[in-house]
Amino acid sequence: DDIMIFDVRAEKYFTLPNSDRVGLFFDVYNLANSDAYQNITWNSGGSFERPSTIVPPTIARFGLKFDW
């Protein structure tokens, strides 16, 4: 099955007087909060078709970049 994940990034750069640049960014991963299975166990027995990895929940991250 296909896994549909929606990620978003916003980024803005500012130029400093000495021509260096500072960037601010904000990322959101898995915005729709998909809980799809990434890996499924195909071995026979009690764990047949048991999900072994699930897409992590929504994660937000922000930061600062400096280019010189």
PDB file of N, CA and C in Angstrom:
ATOM      1  N   ASP A   1       0.843  -1.193   0.000  1.00  0.00           N
ATOM      2  CA  ASP A   1       0.000   0.000   0.000  1.00  0.00           C
ATOM      3  C   ASP A   1       0.882   1.249   0.000  1.00  0.00           C
ATOM      4  N   ASP A   2       0.354   2.296  -0.594  1.00  0.00           N
ATOM      5  CA  ASP A   2       1.055   3.577  -0.597  1.00  0.00           C
ATOM      6  C   ASP A   2       0.885   4.269   0.750  1.00  0.00           C
ATOM      7  N   ILE A   3       1.914   4.989   1.163  1.00  0.00           N
ATOM      8  CA  ILE A   3       1.863   5.772   2.395  1.00  0.00           C
ATOM      9  C   ILE A   3       1.811   7.238   1.996  1.00  0.00           C
ATOM     10  N   MET A   4       0.777   7.932   2.403  1.00  0.00           N
ATOM     11  CA  MET A   4       0.608   9.342   2.076  1.00  0.00           C
ATOM     12  C   MET A   4       0.979  10.177   3.302  1.00  0.00           C
ATOM     13  N   ILE A   5       2.044  10.963   3.172  1.00  0.00           N
ATOM     14  CA  ILE A   5       2.504  11.826   4.255  1.00  0.00           C
ATOM     15  C   ILE A   5       2.591  13.243   3.715  1.00  0.00           C
ATOM     16  N   PHE A   6       2.123  14.215   4.500  1.00  0.00           N
ATOM     17  CA  PHE A   6       2.113  15.612   4.095  1.00  0.00           C
ATOM     18  C   PHE A   6       3.069  16.383   4.987  1.00  0.00           C
ATOM     19  N   ASP A   7       4.173  16.890   4.407  1.00  0.00           N
ATOM     20  CA  ASP A   7       5.176  17.671   5.125  1.00  0.00           C
ATOM     21  C   ASP A   7       5.163  19.101   4.606  1.00  0.00           C
ATOM     22  N   VAL A   8       5.431  20.073   5.502  1.00  0.00           N
ATOM     23  CA  VAL A   8       5.429  21.484   5.139  1.00  0.00           C
ATOM     24  C   VAL A   8       6.684  22.142   5.699  1.00  0.00           C
ATOM     25  N   ARG A   9       7.266  23.076   4.910  1.00  0.00           N
ATOM     26  CA  ARG A   9       8.412  23.845   5.387  1.00  0.00           C
ATOM     27  C   ARG A   9       8.213  25.304   5.013  1.00  0.00           C
ATOM     28  N   ALA A  10       8.489  26.203   5.977  1.00  0.00           N
ATOM     29  CA  ALA A  10       8.498  27.640   5.735  1.00  0.00           C
ATOM     30  C   ALA A  10       9.891  28.134   6.116  1.00  0.00           C
ATOM     31  N   GLU A  11      10.451  28.995   5.256  1.00  0.00           N
ATOM     32  CA  GLU A  11      11.815  29.453   5.485  1.00  0.00           C
ATOM     33  C   GLU A  11      11.944  30.898   5.026  1.00  0.00           C
ATOM     34  N   LYS A  12      12.664  31.701   5.802  1.00  0.00           N
ATOM     35  CA  LYS A  12      12.861  33.105   5.470  1.00  0.00           C
ATOM     36  C   LYS A  12      14.313  33.475   5.784  1.00  0.00           C
ATOM     37  N   TYR A  13      14.986  34.100   4.799  1.00  0.00           N
ATOM     38  CA  TYR A  13      16.362  34.556   4.973  1.00  0.00           C
ATOM     39  C   TYR A  13      16.403  36.066   5.144  1.00  0.00           C
ATOM     40  N   PHE A  14      17.313  36.526   5.985  1.00  0.00           N
ATOM     41  CA  PHE A  14      17.566  37.939   6.199  1.00  0.00           C
ATOM     42  C   PHE A  14      19.040  38.193   5.934  1.00  0.00           C
ATOM     43  N   THR A  15      19.351  39.263   5.207  1.00  0.00           N
ATOM     44  CA  THR A  15      20.734  39.609   4.903  1.00  0.00           C
ATOM     45  C   THR A  15      21.231  40.619   5.943  1.00  0.00           C
ATOM     46  N   LEU A  16      22.375  40.314   6.535  1.00  0.00           N
ATOM     47  CA  LEU A  16      22.982  41.199   7.523  1.00  0.00           C
ATOM     48  C   LEU A  16      23.829  42.249   6.803  1.00  0.00           C
ATOM     49  N   PRO A  17      24.182  43.345   7.477  1.00  0.00           N
ATOM     50  CA  PRO A  17      24.950  44.415   6.835  1.00  0.00           C
ATOM     51  C   PRO A  17      26.291  43.965   6.237  1.00  0.00           C
ATOM     52  N   ASN A  18      26.935  42.959   6.791  1.00  0.00           N
ATOM     53  CA  ASN A  18      28.223  42.494   6.265  1.00  0.00           C
ATOM     54  C   ASN A  18      28.053  41.380   5.234  1.00  0.00           C
ATOM     55  N   SER A  19      26.903  41.292   4.610  1.00  0.00           N
ATOM     56  CA  SER A  19      26.520  40.334   3.567  1.00  0.00           C
ATOM     57  C   SER A  19      26.443  38.884   4.051  1.00  0.00           C
ATOM     58  N   ASP A  20      26.446  38.640   5.338  1.00  0.00           N
ATOM     59  CA  ASP A  20      26.117  37.319   5.870  1.00  0.00           C
ATOM     60  C   ASP A  20      24.598  37.165   5.845  1.00  0.00           C
ATOM     61  N   ARG A  21      24.138  35.931   5.898  1.00  0.00           N
ATOM     62  CA  ARG A  21      22.699  35.686   5.876  1.00  0.00           C
ATOM     63  C   ARG A  21      22.288  34.848   7.082  1.00  0.00           C
ATOM     64  N   VAL A  22      21.124  35.163   7.631  1.00  0.00           N
ATOM     65  CA  VAL A  22      20.519  34.407   8.723  1.00  0.00           C
ATOM     66  C   VAL A  22      19.176  33.911   8.221  1.00  0.00           C
ATOM     67  N   GLY A  23      18.911  32.639   8.425  1.00  0.00           N
ATOM     68  CA  GLY A  23      17.652  32.063   7.980  1.00  0.00           C
ATOM     69  C   GLY A  23      16.888  31.446   9.134  1.00  0.00           C
ATOM     70  N   LEU A  24      15.600  31.661   9.146  1.00  0.00           N
ATOM     71  CA  LEU A  24      14.701  31.028  10.113  1.00  0.00           C
ATOM     72  C   LEU A  24      13.869  30.005   9.357  1.00  0.00           C
ATOM     73  N   PHE A  25      13.658  28.844   9.962  1.00  0.00           N
ATOM     74  CA  PHE A  25      12.826  27.839   9.297  1.00  0.00           C
ATOM     75  C   PHE A  25      11.906  27.156  10.291  1.00  0.00           C
ATOM     76  N   PHE A  26      10.819  26.627   9.746  1.00  0.00           N
ATOM     77  CA  PHE A  26       9.809  25.909  10.522  1.00  0.00           C
ATOM     78  C   PHE A  26       9.337  24.735   9.681  1.00  0.00           C
ATOM     79  N   ASP A  27       9.469  23.528  10.202  1.00  0.00           N
ATOM     80  CA  ASP A  27       9.062  22.308   9.510  1.00  0.00           C
ATOM     81  C   ASP A  27       7.951  21.622  10.291  1.00  0.00           C
ATOM     82  N   VAL A  28       7.011  21.043   9.567  1.00  0.00           N
ATOM     83  CA  VAL A  28       5.996  20.178  10.165  1.00  0.00           C
ATOM     84  C   VAL A  28       5.977  18.898   9.350  1.00  0.00           C
ATOM     85  N   TYR A  29       6.234  17.785  10.007  1.00  0.00           N
ATOM     86  CA  TYR A  29       6.249  16.477   9.361  1.00  0.00           C
ATOM     87  C   TYR A  29       4.975  15.719   9.714  1.00  0.00           C
ATOM     88  N   ASN A  30       4.432  15.011   8.731  1.00  0.00           N
ATOM     89  CA  ASN A  30       3.215  14.212   8.902  1.00  0.00           C
ATOM     90  C   ASN A  30       2.065  15.082   9.421  1.00  0.00           C
ATOM     91  N   LEU A  31       1.818  16.164   8.697  1.00  0.00           N
ATOM     92  CA  LEU A  31       0.801  17.138   9.099  1.00  0.00           C
ATOM     93  C   LEU A  31      -0.589  16.517   9.220  1.00  0.00           C
ATOM     94  N   ALA A  32      -0.920  15.570   8.365  1.00  0.00           N
ATOM     95  CA  ALA A  32      -2.242  14.924   8.410  1.00  0.00           C
ATOM     96  C   ALA A  32      -2.323  13.846   9.492  1.00  0.00           C
ATOM     97  N   ASN A  33      -1.211  13.610  10.203  1.00  0.00           N
ATOM     98  CA  ASN A  33      -1.129  12.626  11.285  1.00  0.00           C
ATOM     99  C   ASN A  33      -1.521  11.224  10.814  1.00  0.00           C
ATOM    100  N   SER A  34      -0.961  10.826   9.672  1.00  0.00           N
ATOM    101  CA  SER A  34      -1.195   9.486   9.145  1.00  0.00           C
ATOM    102  C   SER A  34      -0.572   8.459  10.083  1.00  0.00           C
ATOM    103  N   ASP A  35      -1.285   7.387  10.355  1.00  0.00           N
ATOM    104  CA  ASP A  35      -0.730   6.317  11.192  1.00  0.00           C
ATOM    105  C   ASP A  35      -0.598   5.030  10.379  1.00  0.00           C
ATOM    106  N   ALA A  36      -0.154   5.182   9.139  1.00  0.00           N
ATOM    107  CA  ALA A  36      -0.015   4.043   8.233  1.00  0.00           C
ATOM    108  C   ALA A  36       1.118   3.123   8.671  1.00  0.00           C
ATOM    109  N   TYR A  37       1.011   1.866   8.289  1.00  0.00           N
ATOM    110  CA  TYR A  37       2.051   0.881   8.573  1.00  0.00           C
ATOM    111  C   TYR A  37       3.166   1.026   7.548  1.00  0.00           C
ATOM    112  N   GLN A  38       4.416   1.075   8.013  1.00  0.00           N
ATOM    113  CA  GLN A  38       5.550   1.127   7.093  1.00  0.00           C
ATOM    114  C   GLN A  38       6.057  -0.275   6.788  1.00  0.00           C
ATOM    115  N   ASN A  39       6.111  -1.127   7.773  1.00  0.00           N
ATOM    116  CA  ASN A  39       6.584  -2.503   7.600  1.00  0.00           C
ATOM    117  C   ASN A  39       5.593  -3.461   8.244  1.00  0.00           C
ATOM    118  N   ILE A  40       5.326  -4.555   7.571  1.00  0.00           N
ATOM    119  CA  ILE A  40       4.407  -5.575   8.077  1.00  0.00           C
ATOM    120  C   ILE A  40       5.135  -6.905   8.066  1.00  0.00           C
ATOM    121  N   THR A  41       4.977  -7.669   9.134  1.00  0.00           N
ATOM    122  CA  THR A  41       5.597  -8.984   9.243  1.00  0.00           C
ATOM    123  C   THR A  41       4.815  -9.980   8.395  1.00  0.00           C
ATOM    124  N   TRP A  42       5.509 -10.682   7.496  1.00  0.00           N
ATOM    125  CA  TRP A  42       4.857 -11.643   6.611  1.00  0.00           C
ATOM    126  C   TRP A  42       5.160 -13.087   7.004  1.00  0.00           C
ATOM    127  N   ASN A  43       5.814 -13.295   8.145  1.00  0.00           N
ATOM    128  CA  ASN A  43       6.086 -14.665   8.604  1.00  0.00           C
ATOM    129  C   ASN A  43       4.787 -15.331   9.045  1.00  0.00           C
ATOM    130  N   SER A  44       4.723 -16.637   8.890  1.00  0.00           N
ATOM    131  CA  SER A  44       3.522 -17.343   9.333  1.00  0.00           C
ATOM    132  C   SER A  44       3.528 -17.455  10.850  1.00  0.00           C
ATOM    133  N   GLY A  45       2.375 -17.666  11.411  1.00  0.00           N
ATOM    134  CA  GLY A  45       2.268 -17.811  12.853  1.00  0.00           C
ATOM    135  C   GLY A  45       1.444 -16.690  13.462  1.00  0.00           C
ATOM    136  N   GLY A  46       1.635 -16.483  14.749  1.00  0.00           N
ATOM    137  CA  GLY A  46       0.846 -15.500  15.490  1.00  0.00           C
ATOM    138  C   GLY A  46       1.122 -14.058  15.099  1.00  0.00           C
ATOM    139  N   SER A  47       2.266 -13.799  14.488  1.00  0.00           N
ATOM    140  CA  SER A  47       2.581 -12.418  14.120  1.00  0.00           C
ATOM    141  C   SER A  47       2.344 -12.128  12.639  1.00  0.00           C
ATOM    142  N   PHE A  48       1.614 -12.982  11.945  1.00  0.00           N
ATOM    143  CA  PHE A  48       1.341 -12.792  10.514  1.00  0.00           C
ATOM    144  C   PHE A  48       0.575 -11.491  10.290  1.00  0.00           C
ATOM    145  N   GLU A  49       1.040 -10.672   9.357  1.00  0.00           N
ATOM    146  CA  GLU A  49       0.480  -9.372   9.018  1.00  0.00           C
ATOM    147  C   GLU A  49       0.428  -8.420  10.211  1.00  0.00           C
ATOM    148  N   ARG A  50       1.331  -8.564  11.134  1.00  0.00           N
ATOM    149  CA  ARG A  50       1.419  -7.663  12.279  1.00  0.00           C
ATOM    150  C   ARG A  50       2.337  -6.500  11.904  1.00  0.00           C
ATOM    151  N   PRO A  51       1.914  -5.243  12.124  1.00  0.00           N
ATOM    152  CA  PRO A  51       2.769  -4.108  11.779  1.00  0.00           C
ATOM    153  C   PRO A  51       3.987  -4.056  12.700  1.00  0.00           C
ATOM    154  N   SER A  52       5.157  -3.881  12.102  1.00  0.00           N
ATOM    155  CA  SER A  52       6.365  -3.770  12.915  1.00  0.00           C
ATOM    156  C   SER A  52       6.857  -2.326  12.998  1.00  0.00           C
ATOM    157  N   THR A  53       6.425  -1.477  12.067  1.00  0.00           N
ATOM    158  CA  THR A  53       6.790  -0.060  12.096  1.00  0.00           C
ATOM    159  C   THR A  53       5.586   0.761  11.648  1.00  0.00           C
ATOM    160  N   ILE A  54       5.272   1.805  12.403  1.00  0.00           N
ATOM    161  CA  ILE A  54       4.159   2.695  12.094  1.00  0.00           C
ATOM    162  C   ILE A  54       4.729   4.103  11.914  1.00  0.00           C
ATOM    163  N   VAL A  55       4.162   4.875  10.989  1.00  0.00           N
ATOM    164  CA  VAL A  55       4.609   6.252  10.752  1.00  0.00           C
ATOM    165  C   VAL A  55       4.475   7.053  12.051  1.00  0.00           C
ATOM    166  N   PRO A  56       5.523   7.770  12.459  1.00  0.00           N
ATOM    167  CA  PRO A  56       5.446   8.553  13.702  1.00  0.00           C
ATOM    168  C   PRO A  56       4.395   9.668  13.616  1.00  0.00           C
ATOM    169  N   PRO A  57       3.962  10.198  14.765  1.00  0.00           N
ATOM    170  CA  PRO A  57       2.940  11.253  14.762  1.00  0.00           C
ATOM    171  C   PRO A  57       3.495  12.574  14.219  1.00  0.00           C
ATOM    172  N   THR A  58       2.645  13.584  14.198  1.00  0.00           N
ATOM    173  CA  THR A  58       3.037  14.901  13.712  1.00  0.00           C
ATOM    174  C   THR A  58       4.185  15.453  14.554  1.00  0.00           C
ATOM    175  N   ILE A  59       5.213  15.946  13.867  1.00  0.00           N
ATOM    176  CA  ILE A  59       6.394  16.496  14.540  1.00  0.00           C
ATOM    177  C   ILE A  59       6.644  17.886  13.966  1.00  0.00           C
ATOM    178  N   ALA A  60       6.887  18.865  14.835  1.00  0.00           N
ATOM    179  CA  ALA A  60       7.221  20.223  14.400  1.00  0.00           C
ATOM    180  C   ALA A  60       8.652  20.528  14.835  1.00  0.00           C
ATOM    181  N   ARG A  61       9.346  21.291  13.994  1.00  0.00           N
ATOM    182  CA  ARG A  61      10.729  21.646  14.304  1.00  0.00           C
ATOM    183  C   ARG A  61      10.972  23.064  13.792  1.00  0.00           C
ATOM    184  N   PHE A  62      11.717  23.837  14.549  1.00  0.00           N
ATOM    185  CA  PHE A  62      12.085  25.171  14.103  1.00  0.00           C
ATOM    186  C   PHE A  62      13.561  25.378  14.379  1.00  0.00           C
ATOM    187  N   GLY A  63      14.157  26.300  13.631  1.00  0.00           N
ATOM    188  CA  GLY A  63      15.580  26.496  13.820  1.00  0.00           C
ATOM    189  C   GLY A  63      16.085  27.765  13.158  1.00  0.00           C
ATOM    190  N   LEU A  64      17.384  27.932  13.252  1.00  0.00           N
ATOM    191  CA  LEU A  64      18.068  29.098  12.755  1.00  0.00           C
ATOM    192  C   LEU A  64      19.288  28.638  11.950  1.00  0.00           C
ATOM    193  N   LYS A  65      19.487  29.243  10.782  1.00  0.00           N
ATOM    194  CA  LYS A  65      20.648  28.955   9.949  1.00  0.00           C
ATOM    195  C   LYS A  65      21.493  30.215   9.842  1.00  0.00           C
ATOM    196  N   PHE A  66      22.797  30.023   9.740  1.00  0.00           N
ATOM    197  CA  PHE A  66      23.689  31.163   9.562  1.00  0.00           C
ATOM    198  C   PHE A  66      24.648  30.850   8.426  1.00  0.00           C
ATOM    199  N   ASP A  67      24.625  31.651   7.364  1.00  0.00           N
ATOM    200  CA  ASP A  67      25.510  31.499   6.215  1.00  0.00           C
ATOM    201  C   ASP A  67      26.504  32.639   6.217  1.00  0.00           C
ATOM    202  N   TRP A  68      27.785  32.307   6.202  1.00  0.00           N
ATOM    203  CA  TRP A  68      28.807  33.352   6.147  1.00  0.00           C
ATOM    204  C   TRP A  68      29.689  33.181   4.962  1.00  0.00           C
TER     205      TRP A  68
END
